[in-house]
Amino acid sequence: MKSNNQINVPQAREAMDKFKMQAASEVGVNLTDGYNGDLTSREAGSVGGQMVKKMIEAYEQGLQ
C-alpha cells in the first residue's frame, strides 16, 4: 500500500525522520529505518502523539 503522507518541504524529510525516531525513543517504541508495519496501533499512536506534544511545546515556547 502506497503512503499518502507527503512532506511539504522535501529537504525536511531527514529532520522529520530524526524527530520521529527521537519521539519513539521517548515513549519506548522501537522503530527501525524503513518498514515499521509490525507496530501496534497503540505504539504508532503514542509516537504520533509525542510528536504533536513536542510541536505544541515548541510553538508555545516561540510565543513567549
Protein backbone atom coordinates (compact mmCIF):
# COMPACT_ATOMS: atom_id res chain seq x y z
CA MET A 1 0.00 0.00 0.00
CA LYS A 2 1.42 3.37 -1.03
CA SER A 3 1.61 6.05 1.65
CA ASN A 4 -0.12 9.36 1.01
CA ASN A 5 1.99 11.19 3.59
CA GLN A 6 3.94 13.96 1.94
CA ILE A 7 6.46 16.41 3.35
CA ASN A 8 5.76 19.94 2.11
CA VAL A 9 9.46 20.81 2.15
CA PRO A 10 11.40 17.84 0.73
CA GLN A 11 14.62 18.96 2.43
CA ALA A 12 12.89 18.44 5.80
CA ARG A 13 12.49 14.66 5.40
CA GLU A 14 15.73 13.82 7.22
CA ALA A 15 14.88 16.14 10.13
CA MET A 16 11.36 14.70 10.39
CA ASP A 17 12.72 11.15 10.39
CA LYS A 18 15.14 12.08 13.18
CA PHE A 19 12.31 13.79 15.09
CA LYS A 20 10.14 10.67 14.74
CA MET A 21 12.92 8.39 15.99
CA GLN A 22 13.52 10.70 18.98
CA ALA A 23 9.80 10.74 19.85
CA ALA A 24 9.64 6.93 19.56
CA SER A 25 12.61 6.58 21.88
CA GLU A 26 10.99 8.89 24.45
CA VAL A 27 7.84 6.73 24.61
CA GLY A 28 9.70 3.42 24.50
CA VAL A 29 8.76 2.31 20.98
CA ASN A 30 11.47 0.56 18.99
CA LEU A 31 11.40 1.99 15.44
CA THR A 32 13.67 0.87 12.65
CA ASP A 33 14.70 2.62 9.45
CA GLY A 34 12.27 1.60 6.74
CA TYR A 35 9.26 -0.62 7.31
CA ASN A 36 7.55 -0.45 10.70
CA GLY A 37 4.26 -2.07 9.78
CA ASP A 38 4.53 -4.50 12.67
CA LEU A 39 3.82 -1.75 15.22
CA THR A 40 0.55 -1.90 17.08
CA SER A 41 -1.92 0.95 16.69
CA ARG A 42 -1.19 1.91 20.28
CA GLU A 43 2.57 2.16 19.61
CA ALA A 44 2.14 4.14 16.40
CA GLY A 45 -0.36 6.45 18.10
CA SER A 46 1.94 7.06 21.03
CA VAL A 47 4.75 8.10 18.67
CA GLY A 48 2.46 10.45 16.75
CA GLY A 49 1.05 11.85 19.97
CA GLN A 50 4.52 12.51 21.34
CA MET A 51 5.47 14.31 18.12
CA VAL A 52 2.38 16.53 18.35
CA LYS A 53 3.06 17.24 22.02
CA LYS A 54 6.63 18.32 21.19
CA MET A 55 5.47 20.52 18.30
CA ILE A 56 2.91 22.26 20.52
CA GLU A 57 5.54 22.82 23.22
CA ALA A 58 7.91 24.32 20.64
CA TYR A 59 5.16 26.60 19.33
CA GLU A 60 4.25 27.77 22.82
CA GLN A 61 7.91 28.50 23.57
CA GLY A 62 8.01 30.63 20.42
CA LEU A 63 5.09 32.72 21.68
CA GLN A 64 6.91 33.75 24.84
